[in-house]
Amino acid sequence: MPQILDVKGSARANSYMLPPEALKPGENSRKIPDTDVKDMVEDILVRGQLQPVLVQWNAASELEIVDGHRRVLAITRINEKNSTDEPMKVRCERFSGKPEDSFAASIAANLKRKELSPIDRAYDILMLEKQGKTRQDIAKLMGISEPLISRSRKLTTLPAAIQRKVHTREIAAETAYELADMKPEDRAKA
């Protein structure tokens, strides 16, 4: 695997080893639970980085993460704790899709890897709609029904405190859908 630190003009290389601080979070980054990063740190220390991080050049000519935020955070933590003899680098590959498709690619990868919370799904749907995707496109991409898209979108109208509880699964998705359909005064009573 080539060791490339300055990837500008290196289009022929298909894999790069980069310091984690050279990578910028993408528009699709969300708050990652600390336990997820901790588990990823342990896994990388034992088995190494198994999947490359997908990156693309952004408008500011920075390398932006398309998929692999947890891996980058884990390697950053490993380096901060000096857990290895030398600082680890992140194995990256260039995202070959169009820049406007990077968010959809990230969602597809996350759906395969980890169960998204209903709140994550709701905000992903909103972002895809802002990018001009139709409900049919979103349903196909996310593997969900069009009625679930409508139900999920309603979750974003809930107060932030309730959204947090739905995200951490203290409130079940079905209960959250019912709460979203209620008037605010009835929701407070419920």
N, C-alpha and C. Protein backbone atom coordinates (compact mmCIF):
# COMPACT_ATOMS: atom_id res chain seq x y z
N MET A 1 0.85 -1.18 0.00
CA MET A 1 0.00 0.00 0.00
C MET A 1 0.89 1.24 0.00
N PRO A 2 0.68 2.17 -0.93
CA PRO A 2 1.55 3.34 -0.99
C PRO A 2 1.39 4.24 0.23
N GLN A 3 2.49 4.81 0.65
CA GLN A 3 2.49 5.75 1.77
C GLN A 3 2.48 7.16 1.19
N ILE A 4 1.32 7.79 1.11
CA ILE A 4 1.19 9.09 0.47
C ILE A 4 0.68 10.09 1.50
N LEU A 5 1.47 11.12 1.76
CA LEU A 5 1.03 12.13 2.71
C LEU A 5 0.37 13.30 2.00
N ASP A 6 0.89 13.71 0.86
CA ASP A 6 0.28 14.79 0.10
C ASP A 6 -0.39 14.15 -1.10
N VAL A 7 -1.72 14.01 -1.06
CA VAL A 7 -2.41 13.27 -2.10
C VAL A 7 -2.79 14.12 -3.31
N LYS A 8 -2.56 15.43 -3.25
CA LYS A 8 -2.90 16.27 -4.41
C LYS A 8 -2.06 15.81 -5.60
N GLY A 9 -2.71 15.61 -6.73
CA GLY A 9 -2.03 15.18 -7.93
C GLY A 9 -1.68 13.71 -7.96
N SER A 10 -2.17 12.94 -7.00
CA SER A 10 -1.85 11.51 -6.93
C SER A 10 -3.07 10.67 -7.28
N ALA A 11 -3.72 10.99 -8.36
CA ALA A 11 -4.97 10.33 -8.73
C ALA A 11 -4.81 8.84 -9.02
N ARG A 12 -3.59 8.40 -9.38
CA ARG A 12 -3.42 6.99 -9.73
C ARG A 12 -3.41 6.09 -8.51
N ALA A 13 -3.02 6.60 -7.38
CA ALA A 13 -3.00 5.77 -6.18
C ALA A 13 -4.43 5.52 -5.74
N ASN A 14 -4.72 4.29 -5.32
CA ASN A 14 -6.09 4.00 -4.93
C ASN A 14 -6.26 3.91 -3.42
N SER A 15 -5.19 4.05 -2.66
CA SER A 15 -5.29 3.98 -1.21
C SER A 15 -4.24 4.91 -0.62
N TYR A 16 -4.62 5.62 0.43
CA TYR A 16 -3.74 6.58 1.07
C TYR A 16 -3.64 6.28 2.55
N MET A 17 -2.46 6.54 3.12
CA MET A 17 -2.29 6.47 4.57
C MET A 17 -2.10 7.89 5.05
N LEU A 18 -3.09 8.40 5.79
CA LEU A 18 -3.07 9.81 6.17
C LEU A 18 -3.23 9.96 7.68
N PRO A 19 -2.62 11.01 8.25
CA PRO A 19 -2.85 11.28 9.67
C PRO A 19 -4.31 11.69 9.85
N PRO A 20 -4.95 11.28 10.93
CA PRO A 20 -6.38 11.59 11.11
C PRO A 20 -6.68 13.09 11.10
N GLU A 21 -5.74 13.90 11.56
CA GLU A 21 -6.00 15.34 11.60
C GLU A 21 -6.03 15.96 10.20
N ALA A 22 -5.63 15.23 9.18
CA ALA A 22 -5.69 15.73 7.80
C ALA A 22 -7.09 15.59 7.20
N LEU A 23 -7.98 14.91 7.92
CA LEU A 23 -9.32 14.63 7.40
C LEU A 23 -10.36 15.50 8.12
N LYS A 24 -11.25 16.09 7.35
CA LYS A 24 -12.30 16.94 7.89
C LYS A 24 -13.61 16.17 7.94
N PRO A 25 -14.40 16.35 9.00
CA PRO A 25 -15.72 15.69 9.04
C PRO A 25 -16.57 16.15 7.87
N GLY A 26 -17.32 15.22 7.30
CA GLY A 26 -18.21 15.55 6.19
C GLY A 26 -19.51 16.13 6.67
N GLU A 27 -20.33 16.58 5.73
CA GLU A 27 -21.63 17.18 6.06
C GLU A 27 -22.55 16.17 6.73
N ASN A 28 -22.24 14.89 6.56
CA ASN A 28 -23.10 13.84 7.10
C ASN A 28 -22.69 13.40 8.49
N SER A 29 -21.69 14.08 9.09
CA SER A 29 -21.26 13.64 10.41
C SER A 29 -22.33 13.95 11.45
N ARG A 30 -22.49 13.03 12.36
CA ARG A 30 -23.45 13.22 13.45
C ARG A 30 -22.74 12.90 14.74
N LYS A 31 -23.36 13.21 15.84
CA LYS A 31 -22.77 12.92 17.14
C LYS A 31 -22.65 11.41 17.29
N ILE A 32 -21.46 10.97 17.58
CA ILE A 32 -21.20 9.54 17.71
C ILE A 32 -21.08 9.21 19.19
N PRO A 33 -21.87 8.24 19.67
CA PRO A 33 -21.79 7.87 21.09
C PRO A 33 -20.38 7.42 21.47
N ASP A 34 -19.94 7.85 22.65
CA ASP A 34 -18.60 7.52 23.12
C ASP A 34 -18.37 6.02 23.18
N THR A 35 -19.40 5.26 23.52
CA THR A 35 -19.23 3.80 23.60
C THR A 35 -18.90 3.22 22.23
N ASP A 36 -19.47 3.79 21.16
CA ASP A 36 -19.16 3.31 19.81
C ASP A 36 -17.69 3.52 19.50
N VAL A 37 -17.17 4.69 19.87
CA VAL A 37 -15.77 4.99 19.59
C VAL A 37 -14.87 4.09 20.43
N LYS A 38 -15.24 3.90 21.69
CA LYS A 38 -14.46 3.04 22.59
C LYS A 38 -14.37 1.62 22.04
N ASP A 39 -15.50 1.10 21.59
CA ASP A 39 -15.52 -0.25 20.99
C ASP A 39 -14.65 -0.29 19.74
N MET A 40 -14.70 0.76 18.93
CA MET A 40 -13.92 0.81 17.71
C MET A 40 -12.43 0.89 18.03
N VAL A 41 -12.04 1.63 19.07
CA VAL A 41 -10.65 1.72 19.49
C VAL A 41 -10.13 0.32 19.82
N GLU A 42 -10.88 -0.40 20.63
CA GLU A 42 -10.46 -1.75 21.03
C GLU A 42 -10.33 -2.67 19.83
N ASP A 43 -11.28 -2.58 18.90
CA ASP A 43 -11.26 -3.43 17.72
C ASP A 43 -10.06 -3.10 16.83
N ILE A 44 -9.77 -1.83 16.63
CA ILE A 44 -8.63 -1.44 15.78
C ILE A 44 -7.32 -1.85 16.43
N LEU A 45 -7.21 -1.72 17.74
CA LEU A 45 -5.98 -2.13 18.42
C LEU A 45 -5.74 -3.64 18.28
N VAL A 46 -6.81 -4.42 18.25
CA VAL A 46 -6.69 -5.87 18.14
C VAL A 46 -6.54 -6.32 16.69
N ARG A 47 -7.41 -5.82 15.81
CA ARG A 47 -7.46 -6.34 14.45
C ARG A 47 -6.97 -5.38 13.38
N GLY A 48 -6.69 -4.14 13.76
CA GLY A 48 -6.29 -3.15 12.77
C GLY A 48 -7.51 -2.53 12.11
N GLN A 49 -7.29 -1.59 11.23
CA GLN A 49 -8.37 -0.93 10.50
C GLN A 49 -8.74 -1.83 9.32
N LEU A 50 -9.90 -2.46 9.40
CA LEU A 50 -10.30 -3.43 8.39
C LEU A 50 -10.92 -2.78 7.16
N GLN A 51 -11.65 -1.70 7.33
CA GLN A 51 -12.32 -1.01 6.23
C GLN A 51 -11.69 0.35 6.00
N PRO A 52 -11.44 0.72 4.75
CA PRO A 52 -10.89 2.05 4.50
C PRO A 52 -11.95 3.13 4.76
N VAL A 53 -11.48 4.31 5.01
CA VAL A 53 -12.34 5.48 5.15
C VAL A 53 -12.48 6.08 3.75
N LEU A 54 -13.72 6.38 3.37
CA LEU A 54 -13.94 7.01 2.06
C LEU A 54 -13.84 8.52 2.21
N VAL A 55 -13.06 9.14 1.31
CA VAL A 55 -12.86 10.59 1.37
C VAL A 55 -13.08 11.21 0.00
N GLN A 56 -13.34 12.51 0.01
CA GLN A 56 -13.45 13.28 -1.23
C GLN A 56 -12.93 14.68 -0.97
N TRP A 57 -12.53 15.38 -2.03
CA TRP A 57 -12.10 16.76 -1.90
C TRP A 57 -13.35 17.63 -1.78
N ASN A 58 -13.36 18.55 -0.83
CA ASN A 58 -14.49 19.47 -0.71
C ASN A 58 -14.18 20.78 -1.44
N ALA A 59 -15.09 21.73 -1.40
CA ALA A 59 -14.93 23.00 -2.12
C ALA A 59 -13.75 23.81 -1.60
N ALA A 60 -13.36 23.59 -0.35
CA ALA A 60 -12.22 24.31 0.24
C ALA A 60 -10.90 23.57 0.02
N SER A 61 -10.90 22.56 -0.88
CA SER A 61 -9.71 21.75 -1.19
C SER A 61 -9.18 21.01 0.04
N GLU A 62 -10.09 20.55 0.88
CA GLU A 62 -9.72 19.73 2.04
C GLU A 62 -10.26 18.33 1.80
N LEU A 63 -9.59 17.34 2.38
CA LEU A 63 -10.12 15.99 2.30
C LEU A 63 -11.22 15.83 3.33
N GLU A 64 -12.39 15.50 2.87
CA GLU A 64 -13.58 15.39 3.71
C GLU A 64 -13.99 13.92 3.81
N ILE A 65 -14.38 13.51 4.99
CA ILE A 65 -14.80 12.13 5.22
C ILE A 65 -16.20 11.93 4.66
N VAL A 66 -16.35 10.92 3.81
CA VAL A 66 -17.67 10.54 3.29
C VAL A 66 -18.22 9.44 4.17
N ASP A 67 -17.40 8.45 4.47
CA ASP A 67 -17.80 7.33 5.30
C ASP A 67 -16.61 6.90 6.13
N GLY A 68 -16.81 6.80 7.46
CA GLY A 68 -15.73 6.33 8.33
C GLY A 68 -15.40 7.26 9.48
N HIS A 69 -16.37 8.08 9.87
CA HIS A 69 -16.13 9.02 10.98
C HIS A 69 -15.71 8.30 12.26
N ARG A 70 -16.34 7.16 12.57
CA ARG A 70 -16.00 6.42 13.80
C ARG A 70 -14.56 5.92 13.75
N ARG A 71 -14.15 5.41 12.58
CA ARG A 71 -12.79 4.91 12.43
C ARG A 71 -11.77 6.02 12.64
N VAL A 72 -12.03 7.20 12.08
CA VAL A 72 -11.12 8.32 12.23
C VAL A 72 -11.06 8.77 13.69
N LEU A 73 -12.22 8.86 14.34
CA LEU A 73 -12.23 9.24 15.77
C LEU A 73 -11.48 8.21 16.62
N ALA A 74 -11.65 6.93 16.30
CA ALA A 74 -10.97 5.87 17.06
C ALA A 74 -9.46 5.98 16.90
N ILE A 75 -8.99 6.18 15.69
CA ILE A 75 -7.55 6.29 15.46
C ILE A 75 -7.01 7.57 16.10
N THR A 76 -7.79 8.64 16.09
CA THR A 76 -7.39 9.87 16.79
C THR A 76 -7.21 9.59 18.28
N ARG A 77 -8.16 8.87 18.88
CA ARG A 77 -8.06 8.53 20.31
C ARG A 77 -6.85 7.65 20.59
N ILE A 78 -6.61 6.68 19.71
CA ILE A 78 -5.45 5.79 19.89
C ILE A 78 -4.17 6.63 19.90
N ASN A 79 -4.08 7.57 18.97
CA ASN A 79 -2.89 8.43 18.90
C ASN A 79 -2.78 9.34 20.11
N GLU A 80 -3.90 9.87 20.60
CA GLU A 80 -3.89 10.74 21.78
C GLU A 80 -3.39 10.00 23.02
N LYS A 81 -3.72 8.73 23.10
CA LYS A 81 -3.32 7.92 24.26
C LYS A 81 -1.97 7.24 24.07
N ASN A 82 -1.32 7.51 22.91
CA ASN A 82 -0.03 6.86 22.61
C ASN A 82 -0.11 5.35 22.80
N SER A 83 -1.18 4.75 22.31
CA SER A 83 -1.42 3.31 22.47
C SER A 83 -0.56 2.46 21.55
N THR A 84 0.11 3.07 20.59
CA THR A 84 0.96 2.33 19.66
C THR A 84 2.34 2.99 19.64
N ASP A 85 3.34 2.25 19.14
CA ASP A 85 4.72 2.77 19.10
C ASP A 85 4.81 4.05 18.29
N GLU A 86 4.16 4.08 17.15
CA GLU A 86 4.14 5.26 16.28
C GLU A 86 2.69 5.68 16.09
N PRO A 87 2.46 6.97 15.84
CA PRO A 87 1.07 7.39 15.58
C PRO A 87 0.49 6.62 14.40
N MET A 88 -0.75 6.18 14.56
CA MET A 88 -1.42 5.46 13.49
C MET A 88 -1.89 6.43 12.42
N LYS A 89 -1.94 5.92 11.21
CA LYS A 89 -2.51 6.68 10.10
C LYS A 89 -3.79 5.98 9.67
N VAL A 90 -4.63 6.72 9.00
CA VAL A 90 -5.93 6.22 8.56
C VAL A 90 -5.80 5.77 7.11
N ARG A 91 -6.19 4.54 6.85
CA ARG A 91 -6.21 4.06 5.47
C ARG A 91 -7.45 4.61 4.79
N CYS A 92 -7.25 5.36 3.72
CA CYS A 92 -8.35 6.04 3.03
C CYS A 92 -8.39 5.63 1.56
N GLU A 93 -9.59 5.68 1.03
CA GLU A 93 -9.78 5.51 -0.41
C GLU A 93 -10.65 6.66 -0.88
N ARG A 94 -10.47 7.03 -2.14
CA ARG A 94 -11.23 8.13 -2.72
C ARG A 94 -12.64 7.67 -3.04
N PHE A 95 -13.64 8.45 -2.64
CA PHE A 95 -15.03 8.17 -2.99
C PHE A 95 -15.17 8.44 -4.47
N SER A 96 -15.66 7.44 -5.20
CA SER A 96 -15.69 7.56 -6.66
C SER A 96 -16.99 8.15 -7.19
N GLY A 97 -17.95 8.38 -6.32
CA GLY A 97 -19.22 8.96 -6.76
C GLY A 97 -19.15 10.47 -6.91
N LYS A 98 -20.26 11.04 -7.28
CA LYS A 98 -20.35 12.49 -7.39
C LYS A 98 -20.44 13.08 -5.98
N PRO A 99 -19.93 14.29 -5.79
CA PRO A 99 -19.99 14.91 -4.46
C PRO A 99 -21.41 14.95 -3.90
N GLU A 100 -22.42 15.22 -4.75
CA GLU A 100 -23.80 15.30 -4.27
C GLU A 100 -24.35 13.94 -3.85
N ASP A 101 -23.67 12.85 -4.19
CA ASP A 101 -24.12 11.50 -3.80
C ASP A 101 -23.43 10.99 -2.54
N SER A 102 -22.50 11.78 -1.98
CA SER A 102 -21.73 11.29 -0.84
C SER A 102 -22.59 11.05 0.39
N PHE A 103 -23.58 11.90 0.63
CA PHE A 103 -24.43 11.72 1.80
C PHE A 103 -25.25 10.43 1.68
N ALA A 104 -25.79 10.18 0.49
CA ALA A 104 -26.56 8.96 0.27
C ALA A 104 -25.67 7.73 0.44
N ALA A 105 -24.42 7.81 -0.01
CA ALA A 105 -23.50 6.68 0.14
C ALA A 105 -23.21 6.41 1.61
N SER A 106 -23.07 7.47 2.39
CA SER A 106 -22.82 7.32 3.82
C SER A 106 -24.01 6.67 4.53
N ILE A 107 -25.22 7.09 4.16
CA ILE A 107 -26.42 6.50 4.76
C ILE A 107 -26.48 5.01 4.43
N ALA A 108 -26.25 4.67 3.18
CA ALA A 108 -26.30 3.27 2.77
C ALA A 108 -25.29 2.43 3.56
N ALA A 109 -24.09 2.96 3.75
CA ALA A 109 -23.07 2.23 4.51
C ALA A 109 -23.48 2.08 5.97
N ASN A 110 -24.02 3.14 6.57
CA ASN A 110 -24.44 3.07 7.97
C ASN A 110 -25.59 2.10 8.17
N LEU A 111 -26.51 2.03 7.23
CA LEU A 111 -27.63 1.10 7.35
C LEU A 111 -27.16 -0.34 7.37
N LYS A 112 -26.11 -0.63 6.63
CA LYS A 112 -25.58 -1.99 6.59
C LYS A 112 -24.82 -2.33 7.86
N ARG A 113 -24.21 -1.32 8.48
CA ARG A 113 -23.33 -1.57 9.60
C ARG A 113 -23.99 -1.47 10.96
N LYS A 114 -24.83 -0.50 11.13
CA LYS A 114 -25.33 -0.21 12.47
C LYS A 114 -26.77 0.27 12.39
N GLU A 115 -27.60 -0.20 13.28
CA GLU A 115 -29.00 0.21 13.32
C GLU A 115 -29.09 1.68 13.71
N LEU A 116 -29.62 2.48 12.82
CA LEU A 116 -29.80 3.90 13.11
C LEU A 116 -30.95 4.09 14.07
N SER A 117 -30.86 5.13 14.89
CA SER A 117 -31.99 5.45 15.75
C SER A 117 -33.07 6.07 14.87
N PRO A 118 -34.33 6.05 15.33
CA PRO A 118 -35.40 6.68 14.55
C PRO A 118 -35.14 8.17 14.29
N ILE A 119 -34.46 8.83 15.22
CA ILE A 119 -34.14 10.25 15.05
C ILE A 119 -33.07 10.43 13.97
N ASP A 120 -32.03 9.58 13.99
CA ASP A 120 -31.02 9.63 12.92
C ASP A 120 -31.69 9.45 11.56
N ARG A 121 -32.57 8.47 11.48
CA ARG A 121 -33.26 8.20 10.21
C ARG A 121 -34.08 9.41 9.78
N ALA A 122 -34.77 10.04 10.72
CA ALA A 122 -35.61 11.21 10.39
C ALA A 122 -34.77 12.35 9.82
N TYR A 123 -33.63 12.64 10.45
CA TYR A 123 -32.80 13.73 9.96
C TYR A 123 -32.09 13.36 8.66
N ASP A 124 -31.76 12.09 8.48
CA ASP A 124 -31.20 11.65 7.20
C ASP A 124 -32.22 11.86 6.08
N ILE A 125 -33.48 11.55 6.36
CA ILE A 125 -34.55 11.75 5.38
C ILE A 125 -34.65 13.23 5.00
N LEU A 126 -34.64 14.11 6.02
CA LEU A 126 -34.71 15.55 5.75
C LEU A 126 -33.55 16.01 4.88
N MET A 127 -32.35 15.52 5.18
CA MET A 127 -31.17 15.92 4.41
C MET A 127 -31.28 15.44 2.95
N LEU A 128 -31.75 14.21 2.77
CA LEU A 128 -31.92 13.68 1.41
C LEU A 128 -32.97 14.48 0.64
N GLU A 129 -34.04 14.87 1.32
CA GLU A 129 -35.07 15.69 0.67
C GLU A 129 -34.50 17.04 0.26
N LYS A 130 -33.66 17.64 1.13
CA LYS A 130 -33.04 18.92 0.79
C LYS A 130 -32.13 18.78 -0.43
N GLN A 131 -31.59 17.59 -0.62
CA GLN A 131 -30.73 17.34 -1.77
C GLN A 131 -31.52 16.99 -3.03
N GLY A 132 -32.86 17.05 -2.91
CA GLY A 132 -33.70 16.85 -4.09
C GLY A 132 -34.13 15.41 -4.35
N LYS A 133 -33.88 14.52 -3.41
CA LYS A 133 -34.30 13.13 -3.59
C LYS A 133 -35.80 13.02 -3.38
N THR A 134 -36.45 12.19 -4.18
CA THR A 134 -37.88 11.96 -4.04
C THR A 134 -38.12 10.94 -2.93
N ARG A 135 -39.37 10.84 -2.49
CA ARG A 135 -39.70 9.84 -1.47
C ARG A 135 -39.42 8.44 -1.98
N GLN A 136 -39.67 8.22 -3.25
CA GLN A 136 -39.40 6.91 -3.85
C GLN A 136 -37.89 6.62 -3.83
N ASP A 137 -37.08 7.62 -4.16
CA ASP A 137 -35.62 7.47 -4.11
C ASP A 137 -35.17 7.14 -2.68
N ILE A 138 -35.71 7.88 -1.72
CA ILE A 138 -35.33 7.71 -0.32
C ILE A 138 -35.74 6.33 0.17
N ALA A 139 -36.95 5.92 -0.15
CA ALA A 139 -37.43 4.60 0.27
C ALA A 139 -36.52 3.50 -0.26
N LYS A 140 -36.14 3.62 -1.50
CA LYS A 140 -35.27 2.60 -2.12
C LYS A 140 -33.88 2.62 -1.48
N LEU A 141 -33.32 3.81 -1.32
CA LEU A 141 -31.99 3.95 -0.74
C LEU A 141 -31.93 3.41 0.69
N MET A 142 -32.93 3.76 1.51
CA MET A 142 -32.90 3.40 2.92
C MET A 142 -33.57 2.06 3.21
N GLY A 143 -34.23 1.49 2.21
CA GLY A 143 -34.89 0.20 2.43
C GLY A 143 -36.08 0.30 3.36
N ILE A 144 -36.83 1.41 3.25
CA ILE A 144 -38.01 1.60 4.10
C ILE A 144 -39.19 1.97 3.21
N SER A 145 -40.39 1.91 3.78
CA SER A 145 -41.59 2.23 3.01
C SER A 145 -41.79 3.75 2.97
N GLU A 146 -42.53 4.20 1.97
CA GLU A 146 -42.83 5.63 1.87
C GLU A 146 -43.66 6.12 3.05
N PRO A 147 -44.64 5.33 3.57
CA PRO A 147 -45.36 5.78 4.77
C PRO A 147 -44.43 5.97 5.99
N LEU A 148 -43.39 5.12 6.08
CA LEU A 148 -42.45 5.28 7.20
C LEU A 148 -41.65 6.58 7.05
N ILE A 149 -41.43 7.01 5.83
CA ILE A 149 -40.75 8.29 5.61
C ILE A 149 -41.58 9.41 6.22
N SER A 150 -42.88 9.41 5.95
CA SER A 150 -43.77 10.44 6.51
C SER A 150 -43.79 10.39 8.03
N ARG A 151 -43.88 9.19 8.58
CA ARG A 151 -43.91 9.06 10.04
C ARG A 151 -42.59 9.53 10.65
N SER A 152 -41.51 9.16 10.01
CA SER A 152 -40.18 9.52 10.54
C SER A 152 -39.97 11.02 10.53
N ARG A 153 -40.39 11.69 9.47
CA ARG A 153 -40.22 13.15 9.37
C ARG A 153 -40.90 13.86 10.53
N LYS A 154 -42.03 13.31 10.99
CA LYS A 154 -42.77 13.95 12.09
C LYS A 154 -41.95 13.98 13.38
N LEU A 155 -41.02 13.05 13.52
CA LEU A 155 -40.22 13.01 14.75
C LEU A 155 -39.38 14.26 14.91
N THR A 156 -39.05 14.92 13.83
CA THR A 156 -38.23 16.13 13.91
C THR A 156 -39.02 17.31 14.48
N THR A 157 -40.34 17.16 14.59
CA THR A 157 -41.16 18.23 15.16
C THR A 157 -41.28 18.10 16.68
N LEU A 158 -40.81 17.00 17.22
CA LEU A 158 -40.87 16.79 18.66
C LEU A 158 -39.86 17.70 19.37
N PRO A 159 -40.14 18.08 20.62
CA PRO A 159 -39.17 18.87 21.38
C PRO A 159 -37.84 18.11 21.51
N ALA A 160 -36.75 18.86 21.62
CA ALA A 160 -35.41 18.28 21.67
C ALA A 160 -35.25 17.24 22.78
N ALA A 161 -35.86 17.50 23.94
CA ALA A 161 -35.73 16.55 25.06
C ALA A 161 -36.34 15.19 24.70
N ILE A 162 -37.46 15.20 24.01
CA ILE A 162 -38.09 13.95 23.60
C ILE A 162 -37.25 13.29 22.50
N GLN A 163 -36.74 14.11 21.57
CA GLN A 163 -35.90 13.55 20.51
C GLN A 163 -34.69 12.82 21.09
N ARG A 164 -34.07 13.42 22.12
CA ARG A 164 -32.92 12.76 22.76
C ARG A 164 -33.31 11.40 23.33
N LYS A 165 -34.49 11.34 23.95
CA LYS A 165 -34.93 10.07 24.55
C LYS A 165 -35.27 9.03 23.48
N VAL A 166 -35.76 9.49 22.34
CA VAL A 166 -36.03 8.57 21.23
C VAL A 166 -34.70 8.08 20.67
N HIS A 167 -33.73 8.99 20.56
CA HIS A 167 -32.42 8.63 20.02
C HIS A 167 -31.73 7.59 20.89
N THR A 168 -31.83 7.75 22.22
CA THR A 168 -31.19 6.80 23.13
C THR A 168 -32.08 5.60 23.43
N ARG A 169 -33.23 5.57 22.78
CA ARG A 169 -34.20 4.47 22.88
C ARG A 169 -34.86 4.36 24.26
N GLU A 170 -34.86 5.47 25.00
CA GLU A 170 -35.63 5.51 26.25
C GLU A 170 -37.11 5.57 25.92
N ILE A 171 -37.43 6.14 24.77
CA ILE A 171 -38.80 6.17 24.26
C ILE A 171 -38.80 5.36 22.96
N ALA A 172 -39.69 4.39 22.88
CA ALA A 172 -39.77 3.53 21.70
C ALA A 172 -40.25 4.32 20.49
N ALA A 173 -39.86 3.88 19.31
CA ALA A 173 -40.22 4.56 18.07
C ALA A 173 -41.74 4.67 17.93
N GLU A 174 -42.47 3.60 18.19
CA GLU A 174 -43.93 3.63 18.05
C GLU A 174 -44.55 4.67 18.96
N THR A 175 -44.06 4.76 20.18
CA THR A 175 -44.55 5.77 21.11
C THR A 175 -44.22 7.17 20.59
N ALA A 176 -43.02 7.33 20.05
CA ALA A 176 -42.61 8.64 19.52
C ALA A 176 -43.49 9.06 18.35
N TYR A 177 -43.86 8.10 17.47
CA TYR A 177 -44.74 8.44 16.35
C TYR A 177 -46.08 8.94 16.87
N GLU A 178 -46.60 8.29 17.93
CA GLU A 178 -47.87 8.72 18.52
C GLU A 178 -47.74 10.11 19.14
N LEU A 179 -46.62 10.35 19.84
CA LEU A 179 -46.39 11.66 20.45
C LEU A 179 -46.31 12.75 19.38
N ALA A 180 -45.69 12.43 18.25
CA ALA A 180 -45.55 13.42 17.17
C ALA A 180 -46.90 13.80 16.58
N ASP A 181 -47.86 12.89 16.63
CA ASP A 181 -49.19 13.16 16.09
C ASP A 181 -50.07 13.97 17.05
N MET A 182 -49.65 14.07 18.31
CA MET A 182 -50.46 14.76 19.32
C MET A 182 -50.23 16.27 19.29
N LYS A 183 -51.22 17.00 19.79
CA LYS A 183 -51.06 18.43 20.01
C LYS A 183 -50.08 18.60 21.18
N PRO A 184 -49.31 19.69 21.20
CA PRO A 184 -48.32 19.88 22.26
C PRO A 184 -48.89 19.76 23.68
N GLU A 185 -50.11 20.30 23.89
CA GLU A 185 -50.68 20.22 25.25
C GLU A 185 -51.03 18.78 25.62
N ASP A 186 -51.50 17.99 24.65
CA ASP A 186 -51.80 16.58 24.91
C ASP A 186 -50.52 15.78 25.10
N ARG A 187 -49.48 16.16 24.39
CA ARG A 187 -48.19 15.47 24.49
C ARG A 187 -47.64 15.64 25.89
N ALA A 188 -47.78 16.83 26.48
CA ALA A 188 -47.28 17.08 27.83
C ALA A 188 -47.99 16.20 28.84
N LYS A 189 -49.30 15.99 28.65
CA LYS A 189 -50.07 15.13 29.55
C LYS A 189 -49.62 13.66 29.41
N ALA A 190 -49.37 13.25 28.16
CA ALA A 190 -48.97 11.86 27.90
C ALA A 190 -47.61 11.59 28.50
